[in-house]
Amino acid sequence: AIGMGIVVAVAATVGPGDRVAVFQSLAAVPLAGVAGALVGVAVGTAAM
C-alpha cells in the first residue's frame, strides 16, 4: 500500500495522456514485492 501510494503520486506528476501508462508500469513494483514476500514466506515454511 505504501508503494502504491507513491506510484499514484509519481503518476500524477506526468501529463494526463501518460498517467495510465506510467501507473501500469510502476504498479508492477509493489505488486511484485507483495508476491515475492509471500513466496519467501512459503519457501521458509516449507524448509522448516
All heavy atoms as atom14 arrays in JSON, in Angstrom:
{
  "sequence": "AIGMGIVVAVAATVGPGDRVAVFQSLAAVPLAGVAGALVGVAVGTAAM",
  "atom14_mask": [
    [1, 1, 1, 1, 1, 0, 0, 0, 0, 0, 0, 0, 0, 0],
    [1, 1, 1, 1, 1, 1, 1, 1, 0, 0, 0, 0, 0, 0],
    [1, 1, 1, 1, 0, 0, 0, 0, 0, 0, 0, 0, 0, 0],
    [1, 1, 1, 1, 1, 1, 1, 1, 0, 0, 0, 0, 0, 0],
    [1, 1, 1, 1, 0, 0, 0, 0, 0, 0, 0, 0, 0, 0],
    [1, 1, 1, 1, 1, 1, 1, 1, 0, 0, 0, 0, 0, 0],
    [1, 1, 1, 1, 1, 1, 1, 0, 0, 0, 0, 0, 0, 0],
    [1, 1, 1, 1, 1, 1, 1, 0, 0, 0, 0, 0, 0, 0],
    [1, 1, 1, 1, 1, 0, 0, 0, 0, 0, 0, 0, 0, 0],
    [1, 1, 1, 1, 1, 1, 1, 0, 0, 0, 0, 0, 0, 0],
    [1, 1, 1, 1, 1, 0, 0, 0, 0, 0, 0, 0, 0, 0],
    [1, 1, 1, 1, 1, 0, 0, 0, 0, 0, 0, 0, 0, 0],
    [1, 1, 1, 1, 1, 1, 1, 0, 0, 0, 0, 0, 0, 0],
    [1, 1, 1, 1, 1, 1, 1, 0, 0, 0, 0, 0, 0, 0],
    [1, 1, 1, 1, 0, 0, 0, 0, 0, 0, 0, 0, 0, 0],
    [1, 1, 1, 1, 1, 1, 1, 0, 0, 0, 0, 0, 0, 0],
    [1, 1, 1, 1, 0, 0, 0, 0, 0, 0, 0, 0, 0, 0],
    [1, 1, 1, 1, 1, 1, 1, 1, 0, 0, 0, 0, 0, 0],
    [1, 1, 1, 1, 1, 1, 1, 1, 1, 1, 1, 0, 0, 0],
    [1, 1, 1, 1, 1, 1, 1, 0, 0, 0, 0, 0, 0, 0],
    [1, 1, 1, 1, 1, 0, 0, 0, 0, 0, 0, 0, 0, 0],
    [1, 1, 1, 1, 1, 1, 1, 0, 0, 0, 0, 0, 0, 0],
    [1, 1, 1, 1, 1, 1, 1, 1, 1, 1, 1, 0, 0, 0],
    [1, 1, 1, 1, 1, 1, 1, 1, 1, 0, 0, 0, 0, 0],
    [1, 1, 1, 1, 1, 1, 0, 0, 0, 0, 0, 0, 0, 0],
    [1, 1, 1, 1, 1, 1, 1, 1, 0, 0, 0, 0, 0, 0],
    [1, 1, 1, 1, 1, 0, 0, 0, 0, 0, 0, 0, 0, 0],
    [1, 1, 1, 1, 1, 0, 0, 0, 0, 0, 0, 0, 0, 0],
    [1, 1, 1, 1, 1, 1, 1, 0, 0, 0, 0, 0, 0, 0],
    [1, 1, 1, 1, 1, 1, 1, 0, 0, 0, 0, 0, 0, 0],
    [1, 1, 1, 1, 1, 1, 1, 1, 0, 0, 0, 0, 0, 0],
    [1, 1, 1, 1, 1, 0, 0, 0, 0, 0, 0, 0, 0, 0],
    [1, 1, 1, 1, 0, 0, 0, 0, 0, 0, 0, 0, 0, 0],
    [1, 1, 1, 1, 1, 1, 1, 0, 0, 0, 0, 0, 0, 0],
    [1, 1, 1, 1, 1, 0, 0, 0, 0, 0, 0, 0, 0, 0],
    [1, 1, 1, 1, 0, 0, 0, 0, 0, 0, 0, 0, 0, 0],
    [1, 1, 1, 1, 1, 0, 0, 0, 0, 0, 0, 0, 0, 0],
    [1, 1, 1, 1, 1, 1, 1, 1, 0, 0, 0, 0, 0, 0],
    [1, 1, 1, 1, 1, 1, 1, 0, 0, 0, 0, 0, 0, 0],
    [1, 1, 1, 1, 0, 0, 0, 0, 0, 0, 0, 0, 0, 0],
    [1, 1, 1, 1, 1, 1, 1, 0, 0, 0, 0, 0, 0, 0],
    [1, 1, 1, 1, 1, 0, 0, 0, 0, 0, 0, 0, 0, 0],
    [1, 1, 1, 1, 1, 1, 1, 0, 0, 0, 0, 0, 0, 0],
    [1, 1, 1, 1, 0, 0, 0, 0, 0, 0, 0, 0, 0, 0],
    [1, 1, 1, 1, 1, 1, 1, 0, 0, 0, 0, 0, 0, 0],
    [1, 1, 1, 1, 1, 0, 0, 0, 0, 0, 0, 0, 0, 0],
    [1, 1, 1, 1, 1, 0, 0, 0, 0, 0, 0, 0, 0, 0],
    [1, 1, 1, 1, 1, 1, 1, 1, 0, 0, 0, 0, 0, 0]
  ],
  "atom14_positions": [
    [[0.84, -1.21, 0.0], [0.0, 0.0, 0.0], [0.86, 1.25, 0.0], [0.54, 2.24, -0.67], [-0.92, -0.01, 1.21], [0.0, 0.0, 0.0], [0.0, 0.0, 0.0], [0.0, 0.0, 0.0], [0.0, 0.0, 0.0], [0.0, 0.0, 0.0], [0.0, 0.0, 0.0], [0.0, 0.0, 0.0], [0.0, 0.0, 0.0], [0.0, 0.0, 0.0]],
    [[1.97, 1.22, 0.73], [2.9, 2.35, 0.74], [3.46, 2.56, -0.67], [3.5, 3.69, -1.19], [4.04, 2.12, 1.74], [3.49, 2.07, 3.17], [5.11, 3.2, 1.61], [4.53, 1.68, 4.21], [0.0, 0.0, 0.0], [0.0, 0.0, 0.0], [0.0, 0.0, 0.0], [0.0, 0.0, 0.0], [0.0, 0.0, 0.0], [0.0, 0.0, 0.0]],
    [[3.87, 1.45, -1.29], [4.42, 1.54, -2.64], [3.4, 2.05, -3.65], [3.71, 2.88, -4.5], [0.0, 0.0, 0.0], [0.0, 0.0, 0.0], [0.0, 0.0, 0.0], [0.0, 0.0, 0.0], [0.0, 0.0, 0.0], [0.0, 0.0, 0.0], [0.0, 0.0, 0.0], [0.0, 0.0, 0.0], [0.0, 0.0, 0.0], [0.0, 0.0, 0.0]],
    [[2.15, 1.59, -3.53], [1.11, 2.02, -4.47], [0.8, 3.5, -4.28], [0.49, 4.21, -5.24], [-0.15, 1.19, -4.28], [-0.02, -0.25, -4.77], [0.38, -0.38, -6.53], [-1.14, 0.25, -7.26], [0.0, 0.0, 0.0], [0.0, 0.0, 0.0], [0.0, 0.0, 0.0], [0.0, 0.0, 0.0], [0.0, 0.0, 0.0], [0.0, 0.0, 0.0]],
    [[0.87, 3.96, -3.04], [0.65, 5.39, -2.8], [1.68, 6.24, -3.52], [1.36, 7.29, -4.09], [0.0, 0.0, 0.0], [0.0, 0.0, 0.0], [0.0, 0.0, 0.0], [0.0, 0.0, 0.0], [0.0, 0.0, 0.0], [0.0, 0.0, 0.0], [0.0, 0.0, 0.0], [0.0, 0.0, 0.0], [0.0, 0.0, 0.0], [0.0, 0.0, 0.0]],
    [[2.93, 5.77, -3.5], [3.99, 6.5, -4.19], [3.81, 6.4, -5.7], [4.1, 7.35, -6.44], [5.37, 5.98, -3.75], [5.56, 6.21, -2.25], [6.49, 6.66, -4.54], [6.84, 5.67, -1.69], [0.0, 0.0, 0.0], [0.0, 0.0, 0.0], [0.0, 0.0, 0.0], [0.0, 0.0, 0.0], [0.0, 0.0, 0.0], [0.0, 0.0, 0.0]],
    [[3.32, 5.25, -6.17], [3.03, 5.1, -7.61], [2.01, 6.14, -8.07], [2.18, 6.8, -9.09], [2.51, 3.67, -7.9], [1.94, 3.59, -9.33], [3.61, 2.65, -7.73], [0.0, 0.0, 0.0], [0.0, 0.0, 0.0], [0.0, 0.0, 0.0], [0.0, 0.0, 0.0], [0.0, 0.0, 0.0], [0.0, 0.0, 0.0], [0.0, 0.0, 0.0]],
    [[0.95, 6.29, -7.3], [-0.09, 7.26, -7.64], [0.49, 8.68, -7.65], [0.19, 9.48, -8.55], [-1.26, 7.18, -6.64], [-2.25, 8.31, -6.86], [-1.97, 5.83, -6.77], [0.0, 0.0, 0.0], [0.0, 0.0, 0.0], [0.0, 0.0, 0.0], [0.0, 0.0, 0.0], [0.0, 0.0, 0.0], [0.0, 0.0, 0.0], [0.0, 0.0, 0.0]],
    [[1.33, 8.98, -6.66], [1.93, 10.32, -6.57], [2.84, 10.6, -7.77], [2.81, 11.7, -8.34], [2.7, 10.47, -5.27], [0.0, 0.0, 0.0], [0.0, 0.0, 0.0], [0.0, 0.0, 0.0], [0.0, 0.0, 0.0], [0.0, 0.0, 0.0], [0.0, 0.0, 0.0], [0.0, 0.0, 0.0], [0.0, 0.0, 0.0], [0.0, 0.0, 0.0]],
    [[3.63, 9.61, -8.16], [4.54, 9.8, -9.3], [3.74, 9.93, -10.6], [4.04, 10.79, -11.44], [5.54, 8.63, -9.39], [6.36, 8.73, -10.67], [6.46, 8.62, -8.18], [0.0, 0.0, 0.0], [0.0, 0.0, 0.0], [0.0, 0.0, 0.0], [0.0, 0.0, 0.0], [0.0, 0.0, 0.0], [0.0, 0.0, 0.0], [0.0, 0.0, 0.0]],
    [[2.72, 9.09, -10.77], [1.91, 9.15, -12.0], [1.21, 10.49, -12.14], [0.98, 10.96, -13.25], [0.9, 8.01, -12.01], [0.0, 0.0, 0.0], [0.0, 0.0, 0.0], [0.0, 0.0, 0.0], [0.0, 0.0, 0.0], [0.0, 0.0, 0.0], [0.0, 0.0, 0.0], [0.0, 0.0, 0.0], [0.0, 0.0, 0.0], [0.0, 0.0, 0.0]],
    [[0.89, 11.12, -11.01], [0.19, 12.41, -11.05], [1.09, 13.53, -11.55], [0.6, 14.6, -11.91], [-0.35, 12.75, -9.67], [0.0, 0.0, 0.0], [0.0, 0.0, 0.0], [0.0, 0.0, 0.0], [0.0, 0.0, 0.0], [0.0, 0.0, 0.0], [0.0, 0.0, 0.0], [0.0, 0.0, 0.0], [0.0, 0.0, 0.0], [0.0, 0.0, 0.0]],
    [[2.41, 13.32, -11.56], [3.33, 14.37, -11.97], [3.51, 14.45, -13.49], [4.09, 15.41, -13.98], [4.71, 14.17, -11.32], [5.29, 12.93, -11.78], [4.6, 14.13, -9.8], [0.0, 0.0, 0.0], [0.0, 0.0, 0.0], [0.0, 0.0, 0.0], [0.0, 0.0, 0.0], [0.0, 0.0, 0.0], [0.0, 0.0, 0.0], [0.0, 0.0, 0.0]],
    [[3.05, 13.43, -14.23], [3.2, 13.46, -15.68], [1.91, 13.95, -16.33], [0.89, 14.12, -15.66], [3.59, 12.06, -16.22], [4.87, 11.59, -15.58], [2.47, 11.05, -15.97], [0.0, 0.0, 0.0], [0.0, 0.0, 0.0], [0.0, 0.0, 0.0], [0.0, 0.0, 0.0], [0.0, 0.0, 0.0], [0.0, 0.0, 0.0], [0.0, 0.0, 0.0]],
    [[1.94, 14.14, -17.62], [0.78, 14.64, -18.34], [-0.37, 13.65, -18.33], [-0.16, 12.44, -18.17], [0.0, 0.0, 0.0], [0.0, 0.0, 0.0], [0.0, 0.0, 0.0], [0.0, 0.0, 0.0], [0.0, 0.0, 0.0], [0.0, 0.0, 0.0], [0.0, 0.0, 0.0], [0.0, 0.0, 0.0], [0.0, 0.0, 0.0], [0.0, 0.0, 0.0]],
    [[-1.6, 14.13, -18.51], [-2.78, 13.25, -18.49], [-2.69, 12.1, -19.48], [-3.16, 10.99, -19.19], [-3.93, 14.2, -18.84], [-3.44, 15.55, -18.44], [-1.97, 15.55, -18.7], [0.0, 0.0, 0.0], [0.0, 0.0, 0.0], [0.0, 0.0, 0.0], [0.0, 0.0, 0.0], [0.0, 0.0, 0.0], [0.0, 0.0, 0.0], [0.0, 0.0, 0.0]],
    [[-2.09, 12.33, -20.62], [-2.02, 11.28, -21.62], [-1.08, 10.14, -21.27], [-1.17, 9.06, -21.87], [0.0, 0.0, 0.0], [0.0, 0.0, 0.0], [0.0, 0.0, 0.0], [0.0, 0.0, 0.0], [0.0, 0.0, 0.0], [0.0, 0.0, 0.0], [0.0, 0.0, 0.0], [0.0, 0.0, 0.0], [0.0, 0.0, 0.0], [0.0, 0.0, 0.0]],
    [[-0.18, 10.35, -20.32], [0.8, 9.33, -19.96], [0.55, 8.72, -18.59], [1.26, 7.79, -18.19], [2.22, 9.94, -19.97], [2.61, 10.44, -21.34], [2.51, 9.65, -22.3], [3.01, 11.61, -21.46], [0.0, 0.0, 0.0], [0.0, 0.0, 0.0], [0.0, 0.0, 0.0], [0.0, 0.0, 0.0], [0.0, 0.0, 0.0], [0.0, 0.0, 0.0]],
    [[-0.43, 9.22, -17.85], [-0.61, 8.78, -16.47], [-0.95, 7.3, -16.34], [-0.42, 6.6, -15.48], [-1.69, 9.63, -15.79], [-1.21, 11.02, -15.44], [-2.32, 11.9, -14.9], [-1.85, 13.27, -14.73], [-2.64, 14.3, -14.49], [-3.96, 14.11, -14.41], [-2.14, 15.51, -14.37], [0.0, 0.0, 0.0], [0.0, 0.0, 0.0], [0.0, 0.0, 0.0]],
    [[-1.85, 6.83, -17.19], [-2.25, 5.42, -17.11], [-1.07, 4.51, -17.4], [-0.83, 3.53, -16.69], [-3.42, 5.14, -18.08], [-3.73, 3.65, -18.11], [-4.66, 5.91, -17.66], [0.0, 0.0, 0.0], [0.0, 0.0, 0.0], [0.0, 0.0, 0.0], [0.0, 0.0, 0.0], [0.0, 0.0, 0.0], [0.0, 0.0, 0.0], [0.0, 0.0, 0.0]],
    [[-0.31, 4.83, -18.44], [0.84, 4.0, -18.81], [1.9, 4.01, -17.71], [2.47, 2.96, -17.38], [1.45, 4.49, -20.12], [0.0, 0.0, 0.0], [0.0, 0.0, 0.0], [0.0, 0.0, 0.0], [0.0, 0.0, 0.0], [0.0, 0.0, 0.0], [0.0, 0.0, 0.0], [0.0, 0.0, 0.0], [0.0, 0.0, 0.0], [0.0, 0.0, 0.0]],
    [[2.15, 5.18, -17.13], [3.13, 5.26, -16.04], [2.65, 4.49, -14.82], [3.42, 3.76, -14.18], [3.4, 6.74, -15.67], [4.25, 6.83, -14.41], [4.1, 7.45, -16.82], [0.0, 0.0, 0.0], [0.0, 0.0, 0.0], [0.0, 0.0, 0.0], [0.0, 0.0, 0.0], [0.0, 0.0, 0.0], [0.0, 0.0, 0.0], [0.0, 0.0, 0.0]],
    [[1.37, 4.62, -14.5], [0.82, 3.89, -13.35], [0.95, 2.38, -13.56], [1.38, 1.65, -12.66], [-0.65, 4.26, -13.15], [-1.32, 3.51, -12.04], [-1.24, 3.97, -10.72], [-2.02, 2.33, -12.28], [-1.83, 3.27, -9.69], [-2.62, 1.63, -11.25], [-2.53, 2.1, -9.95], [0.0, 0.0, 0.0], [0.0, 0.0, 0.0], [0.0, 0.0, 0.0]],
    [[0.61, 1.9, -14.75], [0.69, 0.47, -15.02], [2.12, -0.03, -14.94], [2.38, -1.14, -14.45], [0.09, 0.17, -16.4], [-1.41, 0.38, -16.47], [-1.96, 0.19, -17.88], [-1.21, 0.26, -18.87], [-3.25, -0.04, -17.99], [0.0, 0.0, 0.0], [0.0, 0.0, 0.0], [0.0, 0.0, 0.0], [0.0, 0.0, 0.0], [0.0, 0.0, 0.0]],
    [[3.06, 0.77, -15.42], [4.46, 0.37, -15.39], [5.0, 0.3, -13.96], [5.63, -0.68, -13.57], [5.3, 1.35, -16.22], [6.67, 1.06, -16.12], [0.0, 0.0, 0.0], [0.0, 0.0, 0.0], [0.0, 0.0, 0.0], [0.0, 0.0, 0.0], [0.0, 0.0, 0.0], [0.0, 0.0, 0.0], [0.0, 0.0, 0.0], [0.0, 0.0, 0.0]],
    [[4.71, 1.34, -13.17], [5.26, 1.4, -11.82], [4.51, 0.5, -10.84], [5.1, 0.04, -9.85], [5.22, 2.85, -11.31], [6.07, 3.86, -12.07], [5.94, 5.24, -11.45], [7.53, 3.43, -12.1], [0.0, 0.0, 0.0], [0.0, 0.0, 0.0], [0.0, 0.0, 0.0], [0.0, 0.0, 0.0], [0.0, 0.0, 0.0], [0.0, 0.0, 0.0]],
    [[3.23, 0.24, -11.09], [2.45, -0.59, -10.17], [3.0, -2.01, -10.1], [2.76, -2.73, -9.12], [0.99, -0.61, -10.6], [0.0, 0.0, 0.0], [0.0, 0.0, 0.0], [0.0, 0.0, 0.0], [0.0, 0.0, 0.0], [0.0, 0.0, 0.0], [0.0, 0.0, 0.0], [0.0, 0.0, 0.0], [0.0, 0.0, 0.0], [0.0, 0.0, 0.0]],
    [[3.74, -2.42, -11.12], [4.32, -3.76, -11.11], [5.32, -3.93, -9.98], [5.53, -5.05, -9.49], [4.99, -4.05, -12.46], [0.0, 0.0, 0.0], [0.0, 0.0, 0.0], [0.0, 0.0, 0.0], [0.0, 0.0, 0.0], [0.0, 0.0, 0.0], [0.0, 0.0, 0.0], [0.0, 0.0, 0.0], [0.0, 0.0, 0.0], [0.0, 0.0, 0.0]],
    [[5.94, -2.83, -9.55], [6.96, -2.92, -8.5], [6.35, -3.35, -7.15], [6.77, -4.35, -6.58], [7.73, -1.59, -8.37], [8.71, -1.64, -7.21], [8.46, -1.28, -9.67], [0.0, 0.0, 0.0], [0.0, 0.0, 0.0], [0.0, 0.0, 0.0], [0.0, 0.0, 0.0], [0.0, 0.0, 0.0], [0.0, 0.0, 0.0], [0.0, 0.0, 0.0]],
    [[5.37, -2.63, -6.6], [4.79, -3.07, -5.33], [4.05, -4.4, -5.45], [4.06, -5.2, -4.49], [3.84, -1.94, -4.94], [3.58, -1.18, -6.18], [4.81, -1.31, -7.0], [0.0, 0.0, 0.0], [0.0, 0.0, 0.0], [0.0, 0.0, 0.0], [0.0, 0.0, 0.0], [0.0, 0.0, 0.0], [0.0, 0.0, 0.0], [0.0, 0.0, 0.0]],
    [[3.42, -4.66, -6.58], [2.74, -5.94, -6.75], [3.74, -7.1, -6.72], [3.48, -8.14, -6.11], [1.95, -5.95, -8.06], [0.73, -5.03, -8.12], [0.09, -5.09, -9.49], [-0.28, -5.39, -7.04], [0.0, 0.0, 0.0], [0.0, 0.0, 0.0], [0.0, 0.0, 0.0], [0.0, 0.0, 0.0], [0.0, 0.0, 0.0], [0.0, 0.0, 0.0]],
    [[4.87, -6.9, -7.38], [5.91, -7.92, -7.36], [6.47, -8.09, -5.95], [6.82, -9.2, -5.53], [7.04, -7.55, -8.33], [0.0, 0.0, 0.0], [0.0, 0.0, 0.0], [0.0, 0.0, 0.0], [0.0, 0.0, 0.0], [0.0, 0.0, 0.0], [0.0, 0.0, 0.0], [0.0, 0.0, 0.0], [0.0, 0.0, 0.0], [0.0, 0.0, 0.0]],
    [[6.53, -6.98, -5.21], [7.02, -7.05, -3.83], [6.1, -7.89, -2.95], [6.56, -8.73, -2.17], [0.0, 0.0, 0.0], [0.0, 0.0, 0.0], [0.0, 0.0, 0.0], [0.0, 0.0, 0.0], [0.0, 0.0, 0.0], [0.0, 0.0, 0.0], [0.0, 0.0, 0.0], [0.0, 0.0, 0.0], [0.0, 0.0, 0.0], [0.0, 0.0, 0.0]],
    [[4.79, -7.68, -3.06], [3.84, -8.46, -2.26], [3.93, -9.94, -2.63], [3.97, -10.81, -1.74], [2.4, -7.93, -2.48], [1.39, -8.83, -1.79], [2.28, -6.5, -1.97], [0.0, 0.0, 0.0], [0.0, 0.0, 0.0], [0.0, 0.0, 0.0], [0.0, 0.0, 0.0], [0.0, 0.0, 0.0], [0.0, 0.0, 0.0], [0.0, 0.0, 0.0]],
    [[3.95, -10.23, -3.93], [4.04, -11.62, -4.36], [5.35, -12.26, -3.9], [5.37, -13.41, -3.43], [3.92, -11.69, -5.88], [0.0, 0.0, 0.0], [0.0, 0.0, 0.0], [0.0, 0.0, 0.0], [0.0, 0.0, 0.0], [0.0, 0.0, 0.0], [0.0, 0.0, 0.0], [0.0, 0.0, 0.0], [0.0, 0.0, 0.0], [0.0, 0.0, 0.0]],
    [[6.45, -11.51, -4.01], [7.74, -12.05, -3.59], [7.78, -12.35, -2.1], [8.36, -13.37, -1.68], [0.0, 0.0, 0.0], [0.0, 0.0, 0.0], [0.0, 0.0, 0.0], [0.0, 0.0, 0.0], [0.0, 0.0, 0.0], [0.0, 0.0, 0.0], [0.0, 0.0, 0.0], [0.0, 0.0, 0.0], [0.0, 0.0, 0.0], [0.0, 0.0, 0.0]],
    [[7.17, -11.48, -1.3], [7.15, -11.71, 0.14], [6.41, -13.0, 0.48], [6.86, -13.8, 1.32], [6.5, -10.53, 0.85], [0.0, 0.0, 0.0], [0.0, 0.0, 0.0], [0.0, 0.0, 0.0], [0.0, 0.0, 0.0], [0.0, 0.0, 0.0], [0.0, 0.0, 0.0], [0.0, 0.0, 0.0], [0.0, 0.0, 0.0], [0.0, 0.0, 0.0]],
    [[5.28, -13.23, -0.17], [4.51, -14.45, 0.1], [5.28, -15.7, -0.35], [5.22, -16.74, 0.31], [3.16, -14.37, -0.62], [2.21, -13.27, -0.11], [0.94, -13.26, -0.94], [1.9, -13.47, 1.36], [0.0, 0.0, 0.0], [0.0, 0.0, 0.0], [0.0, 0.0, 0.0], [0.0, 0.0, 0.0], [0.0, 0.0, 0.0], [0.0, 0.0, 0.0]],
    [[5.99, -15.58, -1.47], [6.8, -16.71, -1.93], [7.91, -17.0, -0.92], [8.19, -18.16, -0.58], [7.39, -16.42, -3.32], [8.43, -17.47, -3.69], [6.29, -16.38, -4.37], [0.0, 0.0, 0.0], [0.0, 0.0, 0.0], [0.0, 0.0, 0.0], [0.0, 0.0, 0.0], [0.0, 0.0, 0.0], [0.0, 0.0, 0.0], [0.0, 0.0, 0.0]],
    [[8.55, -15.94, -0.42], [9.61, -16.13, 0.57], [9.09, -16.78, 1.84], [9.74, -17.67, 2.42], [0.0, 0.0, 0.0], [0.0, 0.0, 0.0], [0.0, 0.0, 0.0], [0.0, 0.0, 0.0], [0.0, 0.0, 0.0], [0.0, 0.0, 0.0], [0.0, 0.0, 0.0], [0.0, 0.0, 0.0], [0.0, 0.0, 0.0], [0.0, 0.0, 0.0]],
    [[7.91, -16.34, 2.3], [7.31, -16.94, 3.49], [7.0, -18.42, 3.24], [7.25, -19.28, 4.1], [6.02, -16.18, 3.87], [5.24, -16.95, 4.94], [6.36, -14.8, 4.39], [0.0, 0.0, 0.0], [0.0, 0.0, 0.0], [0.0, 0.0, 0.0], [0.0, 0.0, 0.0], [0.0, 0.0, 0.0], [0.0, 0.0, 0.0], [0.0, 0.0, 0.0]],
    [[6.46, -18.72, 2.06], [6.1, -20.11, 1.74], [7.34, -20.99, 1.68], [7.35, -22.12, 2.21], [5.35, -20.16, 0.41], [0.0, 0.0, 0.0], [0.0, 0.0, 0.0], [0.0, 0.0, 0.0], [0.0, 0.0, 0.0], [0.0, 0.0, 0.0], [0.0, 0.0, 0.0], [0.0, 0.0, 0.0], [0.0, 0.0, 0.0], [0.0, 0.0, 0.0]],
    [[8.4, -20.5, 1.05], [9.65, -21.28, 0.96], [10.24, -21.5, 2.35], [10.69, -22.61, 2.69], [10.65, -20.57, 0.03], [12.02, -21.25, 0.11], [10.14, -20.56, -1.4], [0.0, 0.0, 0.0], [0.0, 0.0, 0.0], [0.0, 0.0, 0.0], [0.0, 0.0, 0.0], [0.0, 0.0, 0.0], [0.0, 0.0, 0.0], [0.0, 0.0, 0.0]],
    [[10.24, -20.45, 3.16], [10.78, -20.59, 4.52], [9.99, -21.59, 5.35], [10.58, -22.38, 6.11], [0.0, 0.0, 0.0], [0.0, 0.0, 0.0], [0.0, 0.0, 0.0], [0.0, 0.0, 0.0], [0.0, 0.0, 0.0], [0.0, 0.0, 0.0], [0.0, 0.0, 0.0], [0.0, 0.0, 0.0], [0.0, 0.0, 0.0], [0.0, 0.0, 0.0]],
    [[8.68, -21.58, 5.21], [7.85, -22.51, 5.96], [8.06, -23.94, 5.46], [8.13, -24.89, 6.27], [6.36, -22.12, 5.81], [6.18, -20.77, 6.22], [5.49, -23.02, 6.68], [0.0, 0.0, 0.0], [0.0, 0.0, 0.0], [0.0, 0.0, 0.0], [0.0, 0.0, 0.0], [0.0, 0.0, 0.0], [0.0, 0.0, 0.0], [0.0, 0.0, 0.0]],
    [[8.18, -24.1, 4.14], [8.39, -25.43, 3.58], [9.72, -26.02, 4.01], [9.85, -27.24, 4.17], [8.31, -25.37, 2.06], [0.0, 0.0, 0.0], [0.0, 0.0, 0.0], [0.0, 0.0, 0.0], [0.0, 0.0, 0.0], [0.0, 0.0, 0.0], [0.0, 0.0, 0.0], [0.0, 0.0, 0.0], [0.0, 0.0, 0.0], [0.0, 0.0, 0.0]],
    [[10.7, -25.16, 4.22], [12.04, -25.64, 4.62], [12.14, -25.91, 6.11], [13.14, -26.46, 6.57], [13.08, -24.6, 4.2], [0.0, 0.0, 0.0], [0.0, 0.0, 0.0], [0.0, 0.0, 0.0], [0.0, 0.0, 0.0], [0.0, 0.0, 0.0], [0.0, 0.0, 0.0], [0.0, 0.0, 0.0], [0.0, 0.0, 0.0], [0.0, 0.0, 0.0]],
    [[11.13, -25.53, 6.86], [11.15, -25.74, 8.31], [11.02, -27.23, 8.62], [10.17, -27.92, 8.04], [10.02, -24.95, 8.97], [10.18, -24.81, 10.46], [11.63, -23.85, 10.9], [11.26, -22.3, 10.05], [0.0, 0.0, 0.0], [0.0, 0.0, 0.0], [0.0, 0.0, 0.0], [0.0, 0.0, 0.0], [0.0, 0.0, 0.0], [0.0, 0.0, 0.0]]
  ]
}
